[in-house]
Amino acid sequence: MQSLISVCIPAYNEEKTIRRTLESVAGQELGGLLDLEILVGPNGCTDRTEDEVLSFGEQCSFAVRVVDVDGKGKPTAWNALVAAASAEVLCFLDADVELDKNALLAVHQDLQDHQEVVAVAGTLAARMDQCSLMTRLSVPNIKDGLFIKPNQDYICGRFYAVRKSRLLELMESFGTAKMPKELIHEDAWMQRMLDIMSSRQGGHELRDVVGGKHRLWRVCREAVVFFVPQDWREDHLIKARSLHAEEQLKSLFPDFYAAKQQVASGIRNDPSRRGIIVRAIGSIRERGLRGASRHYVARAIRSLSSRRARKLFEQSRASSIEVTAGQWIRSELSRS
């Protein structure tokens, strides 16, 4: 028997991109195991987004529906899509992305393999070959026209899957039946809510959950979503929005950010070899290998006793930090 997945797409003025997104969903290799319903929630659109969806639905073998959204904003569309979805597994994605052909099957299998988690995030792959030269120059480690952020460790709204009933149950226990409509980053809100509920219901220390233990979410490396980054000239707008969103989240989740500070303080003050390596890994995760703190990475490589690690450190002095150095540090961390 096929399992049903509801693919939920909030959309705001996406007439130029939504057809490619829908085509990537309809073209998924499902192995005869899954059936799909595709729901699109236009929130405040003033263009032909809805017409594009209806036109595509006439040709698609899967059920395609436009969901009425009463109001503007992604959280409002999110709430409407959740209410309209028929399936237990909901896959959310933006209206300007494309899925790898096995992405939906991969996140569904990941949920089946990890019954303890509520949400599974896809892995982001930026199509740098479709960007301007200046945008490409601002991003390190581009390979075959793509930039895949190393060790992605967060839920991104571009693509993730959730267990509907379990998520709504946790939200109700958290104190809200719906996602707050004033949110700037709805994905970050959900991630922090899941971490807090893992601590409350599981009896875990919040700082342990923030540090990566007992999480109710995970990232699936096999479920890849492709997107085109915004132009480098819009970086200041993106950063300003992110800072505003972070301040909003800090006011909503003070306990979470207090625990996050405890984790960061513990890592910074840990003088052991493991602490040194963890700081290097955190810097690499945050900025990529080329943008990582040379101080942290150099100290980590120096702390390793092998001749190969010493050689890597000497190479990093003469040129940019190589991918092999980051891989070596990660392998050492897994052993320690």
C-alpha atoms as a PDB file:
ATOM      1  CA  MET A   1       0.000   0.000   0.000  1.00  0.00           C
ATOM      2  CA  GLN A   2       1.323   3.446  -0.915  1.00  0.00           C
ATOM      3  CA  SER A   3       1.904   6.034   1.798  1.00  0.00           C
ATOM      4  CA  LEU A   4       0.505   9.495   1.158  1.00  0.00           C
ATOM      5  CA  ILE A   5       2.687  12.601   1.509  1.00  0.00           C
ATOM      6  CA  SER A   6       1.303  16.125   1.466  1.00  0.00           C
ATOM      7  CA  VAL A   7       3.732  18.484  -0.276  1.00  0.00           C
ATOM      8  CA  CYS A   8       3.013  21.965   1.091  1.00  0.00           C
ATOM      9  CA  ILE A   9       4.296  25.045  -0.746  1.00  0.00           C
ATOM     10  CA  PRO A  10       3.761  28.549   0.671  1.00  0.00           C
ATOM     11  CA  ALA A  11       4.113  31.032  -2.194  1.00  0.00           C
ATOM     12  CA  TYR A  12       4.380  34.783  -2.518  1.00  0.00           C
ATOM     13  CA  ASN A  13       4.541  36.214  -6.064  1.00  0.00           C
ATOM     14  CA  GLU A  14       6.374  33.192  -7.507  1.00  0.00           C
ATOM     15  CA  GLU A  15       4.859  33.049 -11.006  1.00  0.00           C
ATOM     16  CA  LYS A  16       8.325  32.858 -12.601  1.00  0.00           C
ATOM     17  CA  THR A  17       9.658  29.978 -10.513  1.00  0.00           C
ATOM     18  CA  ILE A  18       6.796  27.897  -9.143  1.00  0.00           C
ATOM     19  CA  ARG A  19       6.313  25.776 -12.261  1.00  0.00           C
ATOM     20  CA  ARG A  20       9.906  24.483 -12.032  1.00  0.00           C
ATOM     21  CA  THR A  21       9.311  23.696  -8.362  1.00  0.00           C
ATOM     22  CA  LEU A  22       6.117  21.803  -9.158  1.00  0.00           C
ATOM     23  CA  GLU A  23       7.822  19.913 -11.989  1.00  0.00           C
ATOM     24  CA  SER A  24      10.596  18.802  -9.641  1.00  0.00           C
ATOM     25  CA  VAL A  25       7.961  17.475  -7.213  1.00  0.00           C
ATOM     26  CA  ALA A  26       5.943  15.692  -9.891  1.00  0.00           C
ATOM     27  CA  GLY A  27       9.143  14.187 -11.313  1.00  0.00           C
ATOM     28  CA  GLN A  28      10.175  12.455  -8.091  1.00  0.00           C
ATOM     29  CA  GLU A  29      11.263   8.811  -8.212  1.00  0.00           C
ATOM     30  CA  LEU A  30       8.961   7.281  -5.623  1.00  0.00           C
ATOM     31  CA  GLY A  31       9.578   3.603  -6.298  1.00  0.00           C
ATOM     32  CA  GLY A  32       5.853   2.864  -6.182  1.00  0.00           C
ATOM     33  CA  LEU A  33       5.974   3.416  -2.416  1.00  0.00           C
ATOM     34  CA  LEU A  34       4.520   6.912  -2.133  1.00  0.00           C
ATOM     35  CA  ASP A  35       1.568   8.901  -3.411  1.00  0.00           C
ATOM     36  CA  LEU A  36       1.496  12.669  -3.353  1.00  0.00           C
ATOM     37  CA  GLU A  37      -0.929  15.510  -2.927  1.00  0.00           C
ATOM     38  CA  ILE A  38       0.477  18.932  -3.776  1.00  0.00           C
ATOM     39  CA  LEU A  39      -0.901  21.920  -1.874  1.00  0.00           C
ATOM     40  CA  VAL A  40       0.045  25.517  -2.683  1.00  0.00           C
ATOM     41  CA  GLY A  41      -0.813  28.365  -0.322  1.00  0.00           C
ATOM     42  CA  PRO A  42      -0.576  31.770  -2.053  1.00  0.00           C
ATOM     43  CA  ASN A  43      -0.164  34.329   0.725  1.00  0.00           C
ATOM     44  CA  GLY A  44      -0.883  37.846  -0.485  1.00  0.00           C
ATOM     45  CA  CYS A  45       0.120  37.195  -4.117  1.00  0.00           C
ATOM     46  CA  THR A  46      -0.487  39.998  -6.609  1.00  0.00           C
ATOM     47  CA  ASP A  47       0.814  38.146  -9.694  1.00  0.00           C
ATOM     48  CA  ARG A  48      -0.218  35.001 -11.615  1.00  0.00           C
ATOM     49  CA  THR A  49       1.123  32.442  -9.123  1.00  0.00           C
ATOM     50  CA  GLU A  50      -2.292  30.866  -8.593  1.00  0.00           C
ATOM     51  CA  ASP A  51      -2.972  30.665 -12.344  1.00  0.00           C
ATOM     52  CA  GLU A  52       0.368  28.909 -12.863  1.00  0.00           C
ATOM     53  CA  VAL A  53      -0.511  26.339 -10.200  1.00  0.00           C
ATOM     54  CA  LEU A  54      -3.976  25.644 -11.653  1.00  0.00           C
ATOM     55  CA  SER A  55      -2.524  25.320 -15.143  1.00  0.00           C
ATOM     56  CA  PHE A  56       0.067  22.838 -13.923  1.00  0.00           C
ATOM     57  CA  GLY A  57      -2.558  20.877 -12.008  1.00  0.00           C
ATOM     58  CA  GLU A  58      -4.492  20.174 -15.214  1.00  0.00           C
ATOM     59  CA  GLN A  59      -1.499  18.260 -16.607  1.00  0.00           C
ATOM     60  CA  CYS A  60      -0.228  16.607 -13.402  1.00  0.00           C
ATOM     61  CA  SER A  61      -0.947  12.981 -12.473  1.00  0.00           C
ATOM     62  CA  PHE A  62      -0.997  13.913  -8.764  1.00  0.00           C
ATOM     63  CA  ALA A  63      -3.699  15.901  -7.006  1.00  0.00           C
ATOM     64  CA  VAL A  64      -2.825  19.615  -7.032  1.00  0.00           C
ATOM     65  CA  ARG A  65      -4.807  22.090  -4.947  1.00  0.00           C
ATOM     66  CA  VAL A  66      -4.664  25.790  -4.176  1.00  0.00           C
ATOM     67  CA  VAL A  67      -5.357  26.414  -0.488  1.00  0.00           C
ATOM     68  CA  ASP A  68      -7.084  29.626   0.571  1.00  0.00           C
ATOM     69  CA  VAL A  69      -4.852  31.681   2.881  1.00  0.00           C
ATOM     70  CA  ASP A  70      -6.602  34.313   4.982  1.00  0.00           C
ATOM     71  CA  GLY A  71      -3.903  36.937   5.349  1.00  0.00           C
ATOM     72  CA  LYS A  72      -0.278  37.545   4.456  1.00  0.00           C
ATOM     73  CA  GLY A  73       2.967  36.026   5.662  1.00  0.00           C
ATOM     74  CA  LYS A  74       4.592  32.608   5.479  1.00  0.00           C
ATOM     75  CA  PRO A  75       3.436  31.485   8.962  1.00  0.00           C
ATOM     76  CA  THR A  76      -0.169  32.231   7.958  1.00  0.00           C
ATOM     77  CA  ALA A  77       0.222  30.132   4.816  1.00  0.00           C
ATOM     78  CA  TRP A  78       1.935  27.413   6.895  1.00  0.00           C
ATOM     79  CA  ASN A  79      -1.048  27.170   9.254  1.00  0.00           C
ATOM     80  CA  ALA A  80      -3.516  26.998   6.359  1.00  0.00           C
ATOM     81  CA  LEU A  81      -1.523  24.276   4.598  1.00  0.00           C
ATOM     82  CA  VAL A  82      -1.246  22.153   7.745  1.00  0.00           C
ATOM     83  CA  ALA A  83      -5.013  22.381   8.278  1.00  0.00           C
ATOM     84  CA  ALA A  84      -5.722  21.402   4.648  1.00  0.00           C
ATOM     85  CA  ALA A  85      -3.238  18.531   4.378  1.00  0.00           C
ATOM     86  CA  SER A  86      -4.605  14.993   4.367  1.00  0.00           C
ATOM     87  CA  ALA A  87      -1.398  13.039   5.028  1.00  0.00           C
ATOM     88  CA  GLU A  88       0.448  12.319   8.253  1.00  0.00           C
ATOM     89  CA  VAL A  89       3.802  13.249   6.685  1.00  0.00           C
ATOM     90  CA  LEU A  90       4.007  16.843   5.446  1.00  0.00           C
ATOM     91  CA  CYS A  91       6.867  18.081   3.272  1.00  0.00           C
ATOM     92  CA  PHE A  92       7.305  21.845   3.191  1.00  0.00           C
ATOM     93  CA  LEU A  93       9.313  23.556   0.497  1.00  0.00           C
ATOM     94  CA  ASP A  94       9.699  27.043  -0.902  1.00  0.00           C
ATOM     95  CA  ALA A  95       8.204  27.983  -4.262  1.00  0.00           C
ATOM     96  CA  ASP A  96      11.575  28.845  -5.839  1.00  0.00           C
ATOM     97  CA  VAL A  97      13.535  25.616  -5.267  1.00  0.00           C
ATOM     98  CA  GLU A  98      13.982  22.298  -7.073  1.00  0.00           C
ATOM     99  CA  LEU A  99      14.217  18.883  -5.429  1.00  0.00           C
ATOM    100  CA  ASP A 100      16.701  16.179  -6.267  1.00  0.00           C
ATOM    101  CA  LYS A 101      14.822  13.280  -7.878  1.00  0.00           C
ATOM    102  CA  ASN A 102      15.023  11.100  -4.734  1.00  0.00           C
ATOM    103  CA  ALA A 103      14.474  13.827  -2.123  1.00  0.00           C
ATOM    104  CA  LEU A 104      10.924  12.967  -1.025  1.00  0.00           C
ATOM    105  CA  LEU A 105      11.643   9.254  -0.804  1.00  0.00           C
ATOM    106  CA  ALA A 106      14.793  10.013   1.207  1.00  0.00           C
ATOM    107  CA  VAL A 107      13.077  12.176   3.857  1.00  0.00           C
ATOM    108  CA  HIS A 108      10.184   9.716   4.147  1.00  0.00           C
ATOM    109  CA  GLN A 109      12.617   6.831   4.672  1.00  0.00           C
ATOM    110  CA  ASP A 110      14.577   8.892   7.191  1.00  0.00           C
ATOM    111  CA  LEU A 111      11.417   9.447   9.229  1.00  0.00           C
ATOM    112  CA  GLN A 112      10.711   5.712   9.109  1.00  0.00           C
ATOM    113  CA  ASP A 113      14.250   4.861  10.202  1.00  0.00           C
ATOM    114  CA  HIS A 114      14.243   7.355  13.089  1.00  0.00           C
ATOM    115  CA  GLN A 115      10.903   7.025  14.829  1.00  0.00           C
ATOM    116  CA  GLU A 116      11.998   9.325  17.663  1.00  0.00           C
ATOM    117  CA  VAL A 117      12.284  12.426  15.463  1.00  0.00           C
ATOM    118  CA  VAL A 118       9.455  14.757  14.503  1.00  0.00           C
ATOM    119  CA  ALA A 119      11.147  16.673  11.678  1.00  0.00           C
ATOM    120  CA  VAL A 120      13.727  15.885   9.002  1.00  0.00           C
ATOM    121  CA  ALA A 121      15.439  18.677   7.082  1.00  0.00           C
ATOM    122  CA  GLY A 122      16.818  18.414   3.573  1.00  0.00           C
ATOM    123  CA  THR A 123      20.374  19.363   2.600  1.00  0.00           C
ATOM    124  CA  LEU A 124      20.870  22.703   0.853  1.00  0.00           C
ATOM    125  CA  ALA A 125      22.725  22.911  -2.471  1.00  0.00           C
ATOM    126  CA  ALA A 126      23.224  26.396  -3.915  1.00  0.00           C
ATOM    127  CA  ARG A 127      23.379  26.649  -7.713  1.00  0.00           C
ATOM    128  CA  MET A 128      26.332  29.023  -7.952  1.00  0.00           C
ATOM    129  CA  ASP A 129      26.624  28.605 -11.730  1.00  0.00           C
ATOM    130  CA  GLN A 130      23.401  30.604 -12.056  1.00  0.00           C
ATOM    131  CA  CYS A 131      24.711  33.533 -10.009  1.00  0.00           C
ATOM    132  CA  SER A 132      26.679  36.626 -10.915  1.00  0.00           C
ATOM    133  CA  LEU A 133      30.486  36.518 -10.826  1.00  0.00           C
ATOM    134  CA  MET A 134      30.622  38.647  -7.669  1.00  0.00           C
ATOM    135  CA  THR A 135      28.203  36.315  -5.890  1.00  0.00           C
ATOM    136  CA  ARG A 136      30.313  33.293  -6.893  1.00  0.00           C
ATOM    137  CA  LEU A 137      33.489  34.977  -5.658  1.00  0.00           C
ATOM    138  CA  SER A 138      31.901  35.550  -2.251  1.00  0.00           C
ATOM    139  CA  VAL A 139      31.309  31.832  -1.649  1.00  0.00           C
ATOM    140  CA  PRO A 140      34.083  29.280  -0.930  1.00  0.00           C
ATOM    141  CA  ASN A 141      34.414  25.633  -2.000  1.00  0.00           C
ATOM    142  CA  ILE A 142      32.241  25.637  -5.132  1.00  0.00           C
ATOM    143  CA  LYS A 143      32.323  22.247  -6.852  1.00  0.00           C
ATOM    144  CA  ASP A 144      30.624  21.439 -10.168  1.00  0.00           C
ATOM    145  CA  GLY A 145      28.742  24.724  -9.948  1.00  0.00           C
ATOM    146  CA  LEU A 146      27.280  23.882  -6.521  1.00  0.00           C
ATOM    147  CA  PHE A 147      27.960  24.973  -2.973  1.00  0.00           C
ATOM    148  CA  ILE A 148      26.799  22.498  -0.325  1.00  0.00           C
ATOM    149  CA  LYS A 149      27.292  23.846   3.181  1.00  0.00           C
ATOM    150  CA  PRO A 150      29.496  21.418   5.126  1.00  0.00           C
ATOM    151  CA  ASN A 151      27.822  19.788   8.109  1.00  0.00           C
ATOM    152  CA  GLN A 152      24.526  21.636   7.864  1.00  0.00           C
ATOM    153  CA  ASP A 153      23.069  21.510  11.356  1.00  0.00           C
ATOM    154  CA  TYR A 154      19.722  23.290  11.261  1.00  0.00           C
ATOM    155  CA  ILE A 155      16.230  23.104   9.765  1.00  0.00           C
ATOM    156  CA  CYS A 156      15.843  25.336   6.733  1.00  0.00           C
ATOM    157  CA  GLY A 157      12.412  26.308   5.438  1.00  0.00           C
ATOM    158  CA  ARG A 158      13.474  25.623   1.862  1.00  0.00           C
ATOM    159  CA  PHE A 159      12.748  21.907   2.422  1.00  0.00           C
ATOM    160  CA  TYR A 160      11.822  19.786   5.444  1.00  0.00           C
ATOM    161  CA  ALA A 161       9.352  17.065   6.423  1.00  0.00           C
ATOM    162  CA  VAL A 162       7.352  16.671   9.648  1.00  0.00           C
ATOM    163  CA  ARG A 163       5.019  14.222  11.344  1.00  0.00           C
ATOM    164  CA  LYS A 164       1.811  16.252  11.435  1.00  0.00           C
ATOM    165  CA  SER A 165       0.049  14.806  14.481  1.00  0.00           C
ATOM    166  CA  ARG A 166       3.174  14.691  16.642  1.00  0.00           C
ATOM    167  CA  LEU A 167       4.191  18.243  15.697  1.00  0.00           C
ATOM    168  CA  LEU A 168       0.740  19.652  16.476  1.00  0.00           C
ATOM    169  CA  GLU A 169       0.709  17.761  19.777  1.00  0.00           C
ATOM    170  CA  LEU A 170       4.051  19.313  20.760  1.00  0.00           C
ATOM    171  CA  MET A 171       2.924  22.776  19.698  1.00  0.00           C
ATOM    172  CA  GLU A 172      -0.190  22.458  21.849  1.00  0.00           C
ATOM    173  CA  SER A 173       1.899  21.340  24.822  1.00  0.00           C
ATOM    174  CA  PHE A 174       4.197  24.285  24.157  1.00  0.00           C
ATOM    175  CA  GLY A 175       1.199  26.589  24.448  1.00  0.00           C
ATOM    176  CA  THR A 176       0.147  27.405  20.887  1.00  0.00           C
ATOM    177  CA  ALA A 177      -2.218  25.619  18.527  1.00  0.00           C
ATOM    178  CA  LYS A 178      -0.839  27.472  15.506  1.00  0.00           C
ATOM    179  CA  MET A 179       2.442  28.962  14.404  1.00  0.00           C
ATOM    180  CA  PRO A 180       2.553  32.650  15.458  1.00  0.00           C
ATOM    181  CA  LYS A 181       1.790  34.756  12.387  1.00  0.00           C
ATOM    182  CA  GLU A 182       4.265  37.532  13.239  1.00  0.00           C
ATOM    183  CA  LEU A 183       7.329  35.262  12.870  1.00  0.00           C
ATOM    184  CA  ILE A 184      10.111  36.227  10.484  1.00  0.00           C
ATOM    185  CA  HIS A 185      11.835  32.819  10.404  1.00  0.00           C
ATOM    186  CA  GLU A 186       9.213  30.147  10.932  1.00  0.00           C
ATOM    187  CA  ASP A 187      11.730  27.310  10.453  1.00  0.00           C
ATOM    188  CA  ALA A 188      14.013  28.554  13.252  1.00  0.00           C
ATOM    189  CA  TRP A 189      10.986  28.981  15.537  1.00  0.00           C
ATOM    190  CA  MET A 190       9.979  25.350  14.949  1.00  0.00           C
ATOM    191  CA  GLN A 191      13.511  24.072  15.565  1.00  0.00           C
ATOM    192  CA  ARG A 192      13.796  25.911  18.877  1.00  0.00           C
ATOM    193  CA  MET A 193      10.322  24.828  19.943  1.00  0.00           C
ATOM    194  CA  LEU A 194      11.259  21.177  19.259  1.00  0.00           C
ATOM    195  CA  ASP A 195      14.463  21.524  21.292  1.00  0.00           C
ATOM    196  CA  ILE A 196      12.620  23.001  24.244  1.00  0.00           C
ATOM    197  CA  MET A 197       9.905  20.324  24.126  1.00  0.00           C
ATOM    198  CA  SER A 198      12.573  17.604  23.956  1.00  0.00           C
ATOM    199  CA  SER A 199      14.008  19.008  27.175  1.00  0.00           C
ATOM    200  CA  ARG A 200      10.625  19.357  28.907  1.00  0.00           C
ATOM    201  CA  GLN A 201       9.094  16.021  27.943  1.00  0.00           C
ATOM    202  CA  GLY A 202      12.263  13.950  27.925  1.00  0.00           C
ATOM    203  CA  GLY A 203      13.700  15.358  31.146  1.00  0.00           C
ATOM    204  CA  HIS A 204      16.942  16.340  29.397  1.00  0.00           C
ATOM    205  CA  GLU A 205      19.121  19.327  30.196  1.00  0.00           C
ATOM    206  CA  LEU A 206      18.322  22.021  27.646  1.00  0.00           C
ATOM    207  CA  ARG A 207      22.021  22.721  27.130  1.00  0.00           C
ATOM    208  CA  ASP A 208      22.520  19.060  26.140  1.00  0.00           C
ATOM    209  CA  VAL A 209      19.727  19.322  23.560  1.00  0.00           C
ATOM    210  CA  VAL A 210      21.133  22.593  22.216  1.00  0.00           C
ATOM    211  CA  GLY A 211      24.535  20.912  22.046  1.00  0.00           C
ATOM    212  CA  GLY A 212      23.159  18.182  19.774  1.00  0.00           C
ATOM    213  CA  LYS A 213      21.844  15.407  22.048  1.00  0.00           C
ATOM    214  CA  HIS A 214      18.278  14.063  22.303  1.00  0.00           C
ATOM    215  CA  ARG A 215      17.019  16.190  19.409  1.00  0.00           C
ATOM    216  CA  LEU A 216      13.585  15.706  17.890  1.00  0.00           C
ATOM    217  CA  TRP A 217      14.893  16.694  14.449  1.00  0.00           C
ATOM    218  CA  ARG A 218      17.723  15.730  12.142  1.00  0.00           C
ATOM    219  CA  VAL A 219      19.205  16.541   8.737  1.00  0.00           C
ATOM    220  CA  CYS A 220      19.017  14.003   5.898  1.00  0.00           C
ATOM    221  CA  ARG A 221      22.139  14.223   3.726  1.00  0.00           C
ATOM    222  CA  GLU A 222      20.519  12.228   0.896  1.00  0.00           C
ATOM    223  CA  ALA A 223      17.575  14.631   0.501  1.00  0.00           C
ATOM    224  CA  VAL A 224      18.999  17.513  -1.532  1.00  0.00           C
ATOM    225  CA  VAL A 225      17.189  20.713  -2.459  1.00  0.00           C
ATOM    226  CA  PHE A 226      18.639  23.082  -5.062  1.00  0.00           C
ATOM    227  CA  PHE A 227      18.213  26.844  -4.912  1.00  0.00           C
ATOM    228  CA  VAL A 228      19.706  29.973  -6.463  1.00  0.00           C
ATOM    229  CA  PRO A 229      21.184  32.332  -3.835  1.00  0.00           C
ATOM    230  CA  GLN A 230      20.189  35.964  -3.803  1.00  0.00           C
ATOM    231  CA  ASP A 231      22.555  38.417  -5.415  1.00  0.00           C
ATOM    232  CA  TRP A 232      25.514  39.629  -3.332  1.00  0.00           C
ATOM    233  CA  ARG A 233      24.142  43.183  -3.523  1.00  0.00           C
ATOM    234  CA  GLU A 234      21.251  42.054  -1.320  1.00  0.00           C
ATOM    235  CA  ASP A 235      23.507  40.637   1.396  1.00  0.00           C
ATOM    236  CA  HIS A 236      23.001  43.637   3.682  1.00  0.00           C
ATOM    237  CA  LEU A 237      19.212  43.253   3.472  1.00  0.00           C
ATOM    238  CA  ILE A 238      19.420  39.536   4.232  1.00  0.00           C
ATOM    239  CA  LYS A 239      21.730  40.132   7.198  1.00  0.00           C
ATOM    240  CA  ALA A 240      19.479  42.882   8.564  1.00  0.00           C
ATOM    241  CA  ARG A 241      16.446  40.606   8.314  1.00  0.00           C
ATOM    242  CA  SER A 242      18.346  37.760   9.995  1.00  0.00           C
ATOM    243  CA  LEU A 243      19.434  39.991  12.856  1.00  0.00           C
ATOM    244  CA  HIS A 244      15.847  41.155  13.336  1.00  0.00           C
ATOM    245  CA  ALA A 245      14.646  37.540  13.279  1.00  0.00           C
ATOM    246  CA  GLU A 246      17.303  36.505  15.811  1.00  0.00           C
ATOM    247  CA  GLU A 247      16.258  39.266  18.214  1.00  0.00           C
ATOM    248  CA  GLN A 248      12.634  38.173  17.824  1.00  0.00           C
ATOM    249  CA  LEU A 249      13.560  34.564  18.639  1.00  0.00           C
ATOM    250  CA  LYS A 250      15.639  35.622  21.630  1.00  0.00           C
ATOM    251  CA  SER A 251      12.586  37.354  23.087  1.00  0.00           C
ATOM    252  CA  LEU A 252      10.436  34.253  22.471  1.00  0.00           C
ATOM    253  CA  PHE A 253      12.960  31.653  23.682  1.00  0.00           C
ATOM    254  CA  PRO A 254      15.122  33.197  26.439  1.00  0.00           C
ATOM    255  CA  ASP A 255      15.809  29.790  28.028  1.00  0.00           C
ATOM    256  CA  PHE A 256      17.044  28.386  24.730  1.00  0.00           C
ATOM    257  CA  TYR A 257      19.513  31.219  24.186  1.00  0.00           C
ATOM    258  CA  ALA A 258      20.726  31.023  27.787  1.00  0.00           C
ATOM    259  CA  ALA A 259      21.466  27.337  27.230  1.00  0.00           C
ATOM    260  CA  LYS A 260      23.132  28.133  23.905  1.00  0.00           C
ATOM    261  CA  GLN A 261      25.398  30.613  25.683  1.00  0.00           C
ATOM    262  CA  GLN A 262      26.308  27.957  28.254  1.00  0.00           C
ATOM    263  CA  VAL A 263      27.263  25.538  25.494  1.00  0.00           C
ATOM    264  CA  ALA A 264      29.329  28.166  23.668  1.00  0.00           C
ATOM    265  CA  SER A 265      31.045  29.235  26.892  1.00  0.00           C
ATOM    266  CA  GLY A 266      31.896  25.649  27.765  1.00  0.00           C
ATOM    267  CA  ILE A 267      33.438  25.050  24.350  1.00  0.00           C
ATOM    268  CA  ARG A 268      35.445  28.284  24.409  1.00  0.00           C
ATOM    269  CA  ASN A 269      36.845  27.532  27.865  1.00  0.00           C
ATOM    270  CA  ASP A 270      37.621  23.845  27.293  1.00  0.00           C
ATOM    271  CA  PRO A 271      41.448  23.607  27.134  1.00  0.00           C
ATOM    272  CA  SER A 272      41.507  19.926  26.193  1.00  0.00           C
ATOM    273  CA  ARG A 273      42.443  18.606  22.778  1.00  0.00           C
ATOM    274  CA  ARG A 274      38.802  17.767  22.142  1.00  0.00           C
ATOM    275  CA  GLY A 275      37.751  21.327  23.049  1.00  0.00           C
ATOM    276  CA  ILE A 276      40.292  22.730  20.614  1.00  0.00           C
ATOM    277  CA  ILE A 277      39.001  20.489  17.825  1.00  0.00           C
ATOM    278  CA  VAL A 278      35.344  21.260  18.608  1.00  0.00           C
ATOM    279  CA  ARG A 279      36.054  24.994  18.282  1.00  0.00           C
ATOM    280  CA  ALA A 280      37.634  24.389  14.891  1.00  0.00           C
ATOM    281  CA  ILE A 281      34.677  22.294  13.729  1.00  0.00           C
ATOM    282  CA  GLY A 282      32.226  24.973  14.901  1.00  0.00           C
ATOM    283  CA  SER A 283      34.103  27.626  12.955  1.00  0.00           C
ATOM    284  CA  ILE A 284      34.163  25.437   9.834  1.00  0.00           C
ATOM    285  CA  ARG A 285      30.444  24.713  10.132  1.00  0.00           C
ATOM    286  CA  GLU A 286      29.610  28.379  10.519  1.00  0.00           C
ATOM    287  CA  ARG A 287      31.825  29.847   7.809  1.00  0.00           C
ATOM    288  CA  GLY A 288      33.041  27.025   5.567  1.00  0.00           C
ATOM    289  CA  LEU A 289      36.652  25.923   5.380  1.00  0.00           C
ATOM    290  CA  ARG A 290      38.052  28.991   3.657  1.00  0.00           C
ATOM    291  CA  GLY A 291      36.229  31.404   5.925  1.00  0.00           C
ATOM    292  CA  ALA A 292      36.901  29.499   9.154  1.00  0.00           C
ATOM    293  CA  SER A 293      38.988  31.024  11.895  1.00  0.00           C
ATOM    294  CA  ARG A 294      42.605  30.226  10.990  1.00  0.00           C
ATOM    295  CA  HIS A 295      43.489  30.482  14.670  1.00  0.00           C
ATOM    296  CA  TYR A 296      41.037  27.753  15.692  1.00  0.00           C
ATOM    297  CA  VAL A 297      41.877  25.459  12.789  1.00  0.00           C
ATOM    298  CA  ALA A 298      45.637  25.944  13.149  1.00  0.00           C
ATOM    299  CA  ARG A 299      45.494  25.142  16.875  1.00  0.00           C
ATOM    300  CA  ALA A 300      43.410  22.054  16.156  1.00  0.00           C
ATOM    301  CA  ILE A 301      45.827  20.749  13.561  1.00  0.00           C
ATOM    302  CA  ARG A 302      48.819  21.530  15.800  1.00  0.00           C
ATOM    303  CA  SER A 303      47.186  19.547  18.612  1.00  0.00           C
ATOM    304  CA  LEU A 304      47.252  16.386  16.503  1.00  0.00           C
ATOM    305  CA  SER A 305      50.373  14.332  16.944  1.00  0.00           C
ATOM    306  CA  SER A 306      50.658  12.655  13.548  1.00  0.00           C
ATOM    307  CA  ARG A 307      53.125  13.677  10.898  1.00  0.00           C
ATOM    308  CA  ARG A 308      50.294  14.084   8.384  1.00  0.00           C
ATOM    309  CA  ALA A 309      48.482  16.616  10.588  1.00  0.00           C
ATOM    310  CA  ARG A 310      51.714  18.621  11.002  1.00  0.00           C
ATOM    311  CA  LYS A 311      52.139  18.674   7.234  1.00  0.00           C
ATOM    312  CA  LEU A 312      48.561  19.894   6.765  1.00  0.00           C
ATOM    313  CA  PHE A 313      49.201  22.729   9.197  1.00  0.00           C
ATOM    314  CA  GLU A 314      52.302  23.814   7.285  1.00  0.00           C
ATOM    315  CA  GLN A 315      50.315  23.773   4.038  1.00  0.00           C
ATOM    316  CA  SER A 316      47.563  25.905   5.563  1.00  0.00           C
ATOM    317  CA  ARG A 317      50.106  28.598   6.368  1.00  0.00           C
ATOM    318  CA  ALA A 318      51.103  28.901   2.726  1.00  0.00           C
ATOM    319  CA  SER A 319      47.643  28.753   1.139  1.00  0.00           C
ATOM    320  CA  SER A 320      43.951  28.651   1.960  1.00  0.00           C
ATOM    321  CA  ILE A 321      42.856  25.933   4.373  1.00  0.00           C
ATOM    322  CA  GLU A 322      42.377  22.767   2.351  1.00  0.00           C
ATOM    323  CA  VAL A 323      39.343  20.512   2.475  1.00  0.00           C
ATOM    324  CA  THR A 324      41.616  17.668   3.573  1.00  0.00           C
ATOM    325  CA  ALA A 325      42.464  19.573   6.740  1.00  0.00           C
ATOM    326  CA  GLY A 326      38.803  19.876   7.676  1.00  0.00           C
ATOM    327  CA  GLN A 327      38.199  16.217   6.919  1.00  0.00           C
ATOM    328  CA  TRP A 328      41.162  15.227   9.075  1.00  0.00           C
ATOM    329  CA  ILE A 329      39.929  17.316  12.010  1.00  0.00           C
ATOM    330  CA  ARG A 330      36.430  15.805  11.734  1.00  0.00           C
ATOM    331  CA  SER A 331      37.830  12.266  11.669  1.00  0.00           C
ATOM    332  CA  GLU A 332      39.922  12.999  14.761  1.00  0.00           C
ATOM    333  CA  LEU A 333      36.886  14.435  16.549  1.00  0.00           C
ATOM    334  CA  SER A 334      34.883  11.256  15.849  1.00  0.00           C
ATOM    335  CA  ARG A 335      37.669   9.162  17.395  1.00  0.00           C
ATOM    336  CA  SER A 336      38.218  11.268  20.503  1.00  0.00           C
END
